[in-house]
């Protein structure tokens, strides 16, 4: 697993997230998207240092 640094979509603060090494981040959004039908695409929740929840969609 690798650590990715993401920008919070609400405030721009840096947030760390562990992702599979082969993962590619597709989007970072305030609102949750539905789970994709493709099992190689996942949506996971994260929280920035300012307590803003956001959702990361990634493919691997």
C-alpha atoms as a PDB file:
ATOM      1  CA  UNK A   1       0.000   0.000   0.000  1.00  0.00           C
ATOM      2  CA  UNK A   2       1.246   3.481  -0.826  1.00  0.00           C
ATOM      3  CA  UNK A   3       0.432   6.811   0.797  1.00  0.00           C
ATOM      4  CA  UNK A   4      -1.127   9.466  -1.442  1.00  0.00           C
ATOM      5  CA  UNK A   5      -1.359  13.159  -0.539  1.00  0.00           C
ATOM      6  CA  UNK A   6      -4.710  14.626  -1.583  1.00  0.00           C
ATOM      7  CA  UNK A   7      -6.115  18.151  -1.445  1.00  0.00           C
ATOM      8  CA  UNK A   8      -9.390  18.562   0.436  1.00  0.00           C
ATOM      9  CA  UNK A   9     -12.004  19.742  -2.093  1.00  0.00           C
ATOM     10  CA  UNK A  10     -13.550  22.035   0.523  1.00  0.00           C
ATOM     11  CA  UNK A  11     -10.548  23.867   2.000  1.00  0.00           C
ATOM     12  CA  UNK A  12      -7.487  22.699   0.049  1.00  0.00           C
ATOM     13  CA  UNK A  13      -5.720  21.228   3.104  1.00  0.00           C
ATOM     14  CA  UNK A  14      -3.442  18.263   2.473  1.00  0.00           C
ATOM     15  CA  UNK A  15      -4.775  14.893   3.632  1.00  0.00           C
ATOM     16  CA  UNK A  16      -2.985  11.551   3.463  1.00  0.00           C
ATOM     17  CA  UNK A  17      -4.650   8.348   2.330  1.00  0.00           C
ATOM     18  CA  UNK A  18      -3.376   4.812   1.922  1.00  0.00           C
ATOM     19  CA  UNK A  19      -4.123   3.379  -1.512  1.00  0.00           C
ATOM     20  CA  UNK A  20      -3.020   0.238  -3.347  1.00  0.00           C
ATOM     21  CA  UNK A  21       0.312   0.895  -5.103  1.00  0.00           C
ATOM     22  CA  UNK A  22      -1.250   0.360  -8.520  1.00  0.00           C
ATOM     23  CA  UNK A  23      -4.166   2.755  -7.835  1.00  0.00           C
ATOM     24  CA  UNK A  24      -4.915   5.862  -9.871  1.00  0.00           C
ATOM     25  CA  UNK A  25      -7.021   8.580  -8.242  1.00  0.00           C
ATOM     26  CA  UNK A  26      -9.938   9.459 -10.505  1.00  0.00           C
ATOM     27  CA  UNK A  27     -11.699  12.089  -8.378  1.00  0.00           C
ATOM     28  CA  UNK A  28     -11.821  13.780  -4.992  1.00  0.00           C
ATOM     29  CA  UNK A  29     -15.281  15.129  -4.165  1.00  0.00           C
ATOM     30  CA  UNK A  30     -17.324  16.547  -1.292  1.00  0.00           C
ATOM     31  CA  UNK A  31     -20.314  14.319  -2.104  1.00  0.00           C
ATOM     32  CA  UNK A  32     -20.272  10.556  -2.284  1.00  0.00           C
ATOM     33  CA  UNK A  33     -20.751   9.009  -5.689  1.00  0.00           C
ATOM     34  CA  UNK A  34     -22.492   5.674  -6.092  1.00  0.00           C
ATOM     35  CA  UNK A  35     -20.261   2.625  -6.051  1.00  0.00           C
ATOM     36  CA  UNK A  36     -19.253   1.981  -9.652  1.00  0.00           C
ATOM     37  CA  UNK A  37     -20.342  -1.266 -11.306  1.00  0.00           C
ATOM     38  CA  UNK A  38     -16.706  -1.955 -12.229  1.00  0.00           C
ATOM     39  CA  UNK A  39     -15.058  -3.870  -9.366  1.00  0.00           C
ATOM     40  CA  UNK A  40     -11.686  -2.267 -10.223  1.00  0.00           C
ATOM     41  CA  UNK A  41     -13.048   1.166  -9.232  1.00  0.00           C
ATOM     42  CA  UNK A  42     -13.624   1.985  -5.553  1.00  0.00           C
ATOM     43  CA  UNK A  43     -14.949   4.971  -3.565  1.00  0.00           C
ATOM     44  CA  UNK A  44     -13.555   5.585  -0.076  1.00  0.00           C
ATOM     45  CA  UNK A  45     -14.162   8.271   2.527  1.00  0.00           C
ATOM     46  CA  UNK A  46     -11.376  10.392   4.021  1.00  0.00           C
ATOM     47  CA  UNK A  47     -11.189  13.386   6.390  1.00  0.00           C
ATOM     48  CA  UNK A  48      -8.852  16.369   6.123  1.00  0.00           C
ATOM     49  CA  UNK A  49      -7.070  17.943   9.138  1.00  0.00           C
ATOM     50  CA  UNK A  50      -9.918  20.511   9.302  1.00  0.00           C
ATOM     51  CA  UNK A  51     -12.511  17.713   9.774  1.00  0.00           C
ATOM     52  CA  UNK A  52     -14.042  18.015   6.291  1.00  0.00           C
ATOM     53  CA  UNK A  53     -15.282  14.684   4.955  1.00  0.00           C
ATOM     54  CA  UNK A  54     -14.605  13.912   1.314  1.00  0.00           C
ATOM     55  CA  UNK A  55     -14.713  10.936  -1.008  1.00  0.00           C
ATOM     56  CA  UNK A  56     -11.954   9.561  -3.191  1.00  0.00           C
ATOM     57  CA  UNK A  57     -12.682   7.491  -6.296  1.00  0.00           C
ATOM     58  CA  UNK A  58      -9.765   5.394  -7.506  1.00  0.00           C
ATOM     59  CA  UNK A  59      -9.077   2.619  -9.978  1.00  0.00           C
ATOM     60  CA  UNK A  60      -6.557  -0.195  -9.717  1.00  0.00           C
END
